[in-house]
Amino acid sequence: MPKLASMTGYARAGGAAEGVSFACEVKSVNGRGLDLRLRLATGFDALDGEIRRRIGRVLNRGSVTVSLDVVRETGGSEIVLNQQALDLVMVAMDTLSRRIEAQAPRLDGILSLRGVLVEKPASPRATDNEALNAAILKAVDNCLVGLVSAREAEGDHLRAIIAARLDEIEALTGAAERHPSRGREAVLARIRAQLADLAEAGAGLPEERLAQEAILLATRADIREELDRLKVHVAAARELIRQGGPVGRKLDFLAQEFNREANTLCSKSNAVELTALGLDLKAAIDQLREQVQNIE
């Protein structure tokens, strides 16, 4: 069964082939979708597409950054022509030839002048060398294995936190359901008091109108539907974290539904204690949503 995974993680892997050593780092943070940013060593851009495909096979969401550093192990160097220095020499020769009659210098003499030829470390470059490319891609795969493992470990931690918040929401829902203000006699007493106020304010209201108002008042005060939906949402959220996999978006949607029911419960409440329970519900739901937004 797929595991619950966070979108946060880090991994590093390296290797060597064909006289070249390399290191790959992958880190990920929260993201609305799968956002990939690759920073590859100069000359290795050809691997960009394949690396992206490999990431897409194992990750669904997150802002992911991949860095590939490559260094030639042998410390080899290459001789390159310093075009700027050569241009200065040629200008000087042209200027002097107008003032002094002298034999033109030989090519080997020009190249032997300090700074015309310079030595610099050879830059490793991607070639058609399948062994080197395969070794780099293997390091990328190892990085991704480590990243997935790190994200799943964080997911296990989040699972425990989310489960605790769901238990709290369930307990508060039960407390609201059992609250004395929801008892039949308490509800009837409130309706009678409200009808008495209504009748006093509008003397002579017909019985039919009073009956309609009584039904309306009873409907407005009834939080049965909100409590039932909260229970259903708790069960759905528990099933999602049991299933695992990329369920972050679904859990975030449920958190919004939780909040909607808690708001309605507070607006319908006719008792201070019931309103307090509704506010505690909202606090627990906010904490739930904070954690849910870290889930892949």
Protein backbone atom coordinates (compact mmCIF):
# COMPACT_ATOMS: atom_id res chain seq x y z
CA MET A 1 0.00 0.00 0.00
CA PRO A 2 1.34 3.50 -0.84
CA LYS A 3 2.70 5.48 2.07
CA LEU A 4 1.69 8.96 3.12
CA ALA A 5 4.45 11.34 2.04
CA SER A 6 5.43 14.89 2.86
CA MET A 7 6.56 17.28 0.12
CA THR A 8 9.68 18.19 2.12
CA GLY A 9 12.92 16.22 1.76
CA TYR A 10 16.60 16.20 0.81
CA ALA A 11 19.03 13.64 -0.59
CA ARG A 12 22.55 13.54 -2.05
CA ALA A 13 24.41 10.94 -4.06
CA GLY A 14 27.65 10.86 -6.04
CA GLY A 15 29.92 8.71 -8.13
CA ALA A 16 32.75 8.65 -10.66
CA ALA A 17 33.31 7.42 -14.20
CA GLU A 18 35.67 8.09 -17.10
CA GLY A 19 38.01 10.18 -14.94
CA VAL A 20 35.15 12.40 -13.79
CA SER A 21 33.58 12.64 -10.32
CA PHE A 22 30.08 14.01 -9.83
CA ALA A 23 27.62 14.79 -7.07
CA CYS A 24 23.85 15.13 -7.34
CA GLU A 25 21.66 16.91 -4.77
CA VAL A 26 17.86 16.92 -4.76
CA LYS A 27 15.70 18.90 -2.36
CA SER A 28 11.97 19.50 -2.33
CA VAL A 29 9.55 21.78 -0.50
CA ASN A 30 5.80 22.37 -0.64
CA GLY A 31 4.25 23.22 -4.01
CA ARG A 32 0.81 23.32 -5.60
CA GLY A 33 1.97 20.96 -8.35
CA LEU A 34 5.24 19.38 -9.48
CA ASP A 35 7.65 22.25 -10.16
CA LEU A 36 11.13 21.16 -11.32
CA ARG A 37 14.27 23.31 -11.39
CA LEU A 38 17.46 21.71 -12.72
CA ARG A 39 20.94 23.19 -12.32
CA LEU A 40 23.26 20.98 -14.33
CA ALA A 41 27.01 21.34 -14.83
CA THR A 42 28.08 23.01 -18.08
CA GLY A 43 27.92 20.60 -20.97
CA PHE A 44 25.41 18.21 -19.39
CA ASP A 45 22.17 19.89 -20.46
CA ALA A 46 21.40 16.90 -22.69
CA LEU A 47 20.50 14.94 -19.53
CA ASP A 48 17.82 17.48 -18.54
CA GLY A 49 14.89 15.73 -20.20
CA GLU A 50 15.75 12.26 -18.91
CA ILE A 51 16.21 13.54 -15.34
CA ARG A 52 12.82 15.26 -15.50
CA ARG A 53 11.17 12.06 -16.70
CA ARG A 54 12.70 10.07 -13.85
CA ILE A 55 11.50 12.59 -11.27
CA GLY A 56 8.00 12.56 -12.75
CA ARG A 57 7.81 8.78 -12.31
CA VAL A 58 8.32 8.93 -8.53
CA LEU A 59 6.96 12.33 -7.41
CA ASN A 60 3.53 13.92 -7.83
CA ARG A 61 3.79 17.26 -6.04
CA GLY A 62 6.41 19.61 -4.64
CA SER A 63 8.87 22.27 -5.69
CA VAL A 64 11.97 20.22 -6.55
CA THR A 65 15.50 21.52 -7.16
CA VAL A 66 18.18 19.28 -8.69
CA SER A 67 21.89 20.25 -8.72
CA LEU A 68 24.58 18.35 -10.60
CA ASP A 69 28.26 19.22 -10.00
CA VAL A 70 30.95 17.58 -12.13
CA VAL A 71 34.75 17.67 -11.60
CA ARG A 72 37.54 16.02 -13.61
CA GLU A 73 39.42 13.78 -11.19
CA THR A 74 42.74 13.77 -13.08
CA GLY A 75 43.18 17.52 -12.75
CA GLY A 76 44.08 17.67 -16.45
CA SER A 77 44.55 20.97 -18.23
CA GLU A 78 44.33 22.38 -21.71
CA ILE A 79 46.26 25.06 -23.62
CA VAL A 80 44.07 27.79 -25.09
CA LEU A 81 44.79 30.87 -27.15
CA ASN A 82 44.32 34.17 -25.32
CA GLN A 83 42.77 36.11 -28.18
CA GLN A 84 42.89 39.42 -26.33
CA ALA A 85 46.64 39.13 -25.66
CA LEU A 86 47.29 38.11 -29.28
CA ASP A 87 45.38 41.13 -30.56
CA LEU A 88 47.52 43.44 -28.41
CA VAL A 89 50.73 41.84 -29.78
CA MET A 90 49.55 42.22 -33.37
CA VAL A 91 48.67 45.90 -32.84
CA ALA A 92 52.10 46.52 -31.28
CA MET A 93 53.84 44.79 -34.20
CA ASP A 94 51.91 46.86 -36.72
CA THR A 95 52.80 50.07 -34.90
CA LEU A 96 56.52 49.21 -34.65
CA SER A 97 56.75 48.11 -38.29
CA ARG A 98 55.99 51.68 -39.36
CA ARG A 99 58.80 53.08 -37.20
CA ILE A 100 61.48 50.37 -37.35
CA GLU A 101 62.66 48.27 -40.26
CA ALA A 102 62.97 44.74 -38.92
CA GLN A 103 62.27 41.21 -39.97
CA ALA A 104 58.75 40.05 -39.11
CA PRO A 105 58.67 37.68 -36.12
CA ARG A 106 58.03 33.99 -36.67
CA LEU A 107 54.79 32.37 -35.50
CA ASP A 108 56.55 30.29 -32.86
CA GLY A 109 58.09 33.47 -31.47
CA ILE A 110 54.69 35.15 -31.16
CA LEU A 111 53.15 32.12 -29.46
CA SER A 112 56.04 31.96 -27.00
CA LEU A 113 55.27 35.44 -25.69
CA ARG A 114 53.92 35.41 -22.14
CA GLY A 115 50.11 35.38 -22.01
CA VAL A 116 49.42 34.51 -25.66
CA LEU A 117 48.97 30.84 -24.81
CA VAL A 118 47.50 30.07 -21.39
CA GLU A 119 46.92 26.87 -19.46
CA LYS A 120 43.62 26.27 -17.70
CA PRO A 121 41.98 23.26 -16.08
CA ALA A 122 40.12 21.14 -18.56
CA SER A 123 36.37 21.35 -18.13
CA PRO A 124 34.59 18.02 -18.10
CA ARG A 125 32.06 17.96 -20.88
CA ALA A 126 29.27 15.59 -21.66
CA THR A 127 30.05 13.41 -24.65
CA ASP A 128 28.49 10.41 -26.24
CA ASN A 129 30.20 8.38 -23.52
CA GLU A 130 27.36 6.13 -22.39
CA ALA A 131 29.24 4.95 -19.31
CA LEU A 132 29.57 8.47 -17.92
CA ASN A 133 25.96 9.42 -18.64
CA ALA A 134 24.68 6.13 -17.22
CA ALA A 135 26.71 6.64 -14.03
CA ILE A 136 25.30 10.16 -13.58
CA LEU A 137 21.72 8.95 -14.12
CA LYS A 138 22.31 6.16 -11.60
CA ALA A 139 23.39 8.80 -9.05
CA VAL A 140 20.20 10.73 -9.84
CA ASP A 141 18.16 7.56 -9.24
CA ASN A 142 19.92 6.99 -5.91
CA CYS A 143 19.16 10.59 -4.97
CA LEU A 144 15.49 10.10 -5.78
CA VAL A 145 15.35 6.92 -3.68
CA GLY A 146 16.78 8.87 -0.75
CA LEU A 147 14.41 11.77 -1.35
CA VAL A 148 11.34 9.54 -1.46
CA SER A 149 12.49 7.81 1.73
CA ALA A 150 12.95 11.18 3.48
CA ARG A 151 9.53 12.39 2.34
CA GLU A 152 7.87 9.18 3.53
CA ALA A 153 9.58 9.41 6.92
CA GLU A 154 8.25 12.94 7.30
CA GLY A 155 4.87 11.64 6.09
CA ASP A 156 4.79 9.12 8.96
CA HIS A 157 5.33 12.00 11.38
CA LEU A 158 2.55 14.02 9.76
CA ARG A 159 0.21 11.03 9.82
CA ALA A 160 0.43 10.91 13.63
CA ILE A 161 -0.23 14.66 13.93
CA ILE A 162 -3.19 14.56 11.52
CA ALA A 163 -4.66 11.53 13.29
CA ALA A 164 -4.47 13.39 16.61
CA ARG A 165 -6.25 16.42 15.13
CA LEU A 166 -8.99 14.17 13.70
CA ASP A 167 -9.44 12.56 17.12
CA GLU A 168 -9.80 16.03 18.63
CA ILE A 169 -12.36 17.08 16.01
CA GLU A 170 -14.31 13.87 16.61
CA ALA A 171 -14.29 14.42 20.38
CA LEU A 172 -15.48 18.03 20.04
CA THR A 173 -18.21 16.95 17.62
CA GLY A 174 -19.39 14.37 20.15
CA ALA A 175 -19.34 16.97 22.94
CA ALA A 176 -21.47 19.32 20.81
CA GLU A 177 -23.88 16.51 20.03
CA ARG A 178 -24.32 15.70 23.74
CA HIS A 179 -24.57 19.31 24.90
CA PRO A 180 -27.71 19.97 27.05
CA SER A 181 -28.70 22.93 24.88
CA ARG A 182 -29.57 20.45 22.13
CA GLY A 183 -32.06 18.58 24.36
CA ARG A 184 -35.72 18.58 23.32
CA GLU A 185 -36.91 20.53 26.35
CA ALA A 186 -34.16 23.14 26.02
CA VAL A 187 -34.95 23.65 22.33
CA LEU A 188 -38.69 23.92 23.01
CA ALA A 189 -38.09 26.42 25.81
CA ARG A 190 -36.03 28.65 23.53
CA ILE A 191 -38.65 28.47 20.78
CA ARG A 192 -41.46 29.33 23.21
CA ALA A 193 -39.48 32.32 24.50
CA GLN A 194 -38.76 33.54 20.98
CA LEU A 195 -42.39 33.08 19.93
CA ALA A 196 -43.54 34.99 23.00
CA ASP A 197 -41.24 37.87 22.05
CA LEU A 198 -42.51 37.70 18.48
CA ALA A 199 -46.15 37.66 19.55
CA GLU A 200 -45.59 40.61 21.90
CA ALA A 201 -43.85 42.62 19.20
CA GLY A 202 -46.54 41.91 16.61
CA ALA A 203 -49.78 41.60 18.58
CA GLY A 204 -52.54 39.79 16.81
CA LEU A 205 -50.35 37.55 14.62
CA PRO A 206 -52.44 34.64 13.33
CA GLU A 207 -51.77 31.16 14.67
CA GLU A 208 -50.69 29.97 11.23
CA ARG A 209 -47.97 32.65 11.11
CA LEU A 210 -46.77 31.71 14.60
CA ALA A 211 -46.57 28.04 13.57
CA GLN A 212 -44.45 28.97 10.54
CA GLU A 213 -42.14 31.03 12.71
CA ALA A 214 -41.82 28.14 15.17
CA ILE A 215 -40.76 25.80 12.36
CA LEU A 216 -38.26 28.37 11.08
CA LEU A 217 -36.76 28.91 14.53
CA ALA A 218 -36.44 25.19 15.10
CA THR A 219 -34.74 24.73 11.71
CA ARG A 220 -32.28 27.55 12.35
CA ALA A 221 -31.30 26.09 15.73
CA ASP A 222 -30.88 22.49 14.52
CA ILE A 223 -27.22 21.50 14.02
CA ARG A 224 -27.90 17.82 13.34
CA GLU A 225 -26.82 18.05 9.71
CA GLU A 226 -23.59 19.85 10.58
CA LEU A 227 -22.71 17.25 13.20
CA ASP A 228 -23.48 14.39 10.81
CA ARG A 229 -21.32 15.91 8.08
CA LEU A 230 -18.45 16.47 10.51
CA LYS A 231 -18.56 12.75 11.37
CA VAL A 232 -18.58 11.80 7.70
CA HIS A 233 -15.62 14.09 6.99
CA VAL A 234 -13.62 12.59 9.88
CA ALA A 235 -14.22 9.09 8.50
CA ALA A 236 -13.25 10.18 4.97
CA ALA A 237 -10.03 11.83 6.18
CA ARG A 238 -9.04 8.74 8.16
CA GLU A 239 -9.58 6.58 5.10
CA LEU A 240 -7.39 8.85 2.98
CA ILE A 241 -4.45 8.76 5.40
CA ARG A 242 -4.91 4.97 5.63
CA GLN A 243 -4.71 4.67 1.84
CA GLY A 244 -1.61 6.87 1.58
CA GLY A 245 -0.22 8.06 -1.73
CA PRO A 246 -0.77 11.57 -3.18
CA VAL A 247 -3.87 12.51 -1.17
CA GLY A 248 -2.83 16.01 -0.07
CA ARG A 249 -5.29 17.87 -2.32
CA LYS A 250 -8.22 15.71 -1.15
CA LEU A 251 -7.29 16.23 2.50
CA ASP A 252 -7.05 19.98 1.95
CA PHE A 253 -10.55 19.99 0.41
CA LEU A 254 -11.89 18.07 3.41
CA ALA A 255 -10.27 20.58 5.76
CA GLN A 256 -12.20 23.35 4.00
CA GLU A 257 -15.43 21.38 4.41
CA PHE A 258 -14.66 20.87 8.10
CA ASN A 259 -14.30 24.62 8.49
CA ARG A 260 -17.57 25.32 6.69
CA GLU A 261 -19.52 23.03 9.06
CA ALA A 262 -17.83 24.54 12.13
CA ASN A 263 -18.76 28.06 10.98
CA THR A 264 -22.39 27.05 10.49
CA LEU A 265 -22.48 25.35 13.90
CA CYS A 266 -21.25 28.56 15.55
CA SER A 267 -23.80 30.69 13.70
CA LYS A 268 -26.69 28.42 14.75
CA SER A 269 -25.61 28.07 18.37
CA ASN A 270 -27.95 29.50 21.03
CA ALA A 271 -25.73 28.59 23.98
CA VAL A 272 -22.42 30.10 25.06
CA GLU A 273 -20.94 26.69 25.81
CA LEU A 274 -21.93 25.32 22.39
CA THR A 275 -20.37 28.35 20.70
CA ALA A 276 -17.16 27.72 22.67
CA LEU A 277 -17.13 24.14 21.38
CA GLY A 278 -17.56 25.48 17.85
CA LEU A 279 -14.60 27.82 18.29
CA ASP A 280 -12.47 24.95 19.65
CA LEU A 281 -13.50 22.99 16.55
CA LYS A 282 -12.33 25.81 14.29
CA ALA A 283 -8.97 25.94 16.08
CA ALA A 284 -8.46 22.19 15.69
CA ILE A 285 -9.47 22.37 12.02
CA ASP A 286 -6.99 25.21 11.37
CA GLN A 287 -4.22 23.08 12.90
CA LEU A 288 -5.34 20.14 10.75
CA ARG A 289 -5.18 22.20 7.57
CA GLU A 290 -1.69 23.50 8.39
CA GLN A 291 -0.39 19.93 8.48
CA VAL A 292 -2.45 18.72 5.51
CA GLN A 293 -0.85 21.34 3.26
CA ASN A 294 2.51 19.56 3.74
CA ILE A 295 1.15 16.30 2.30
CA GLU A 296 1.98 15.29 -1.28
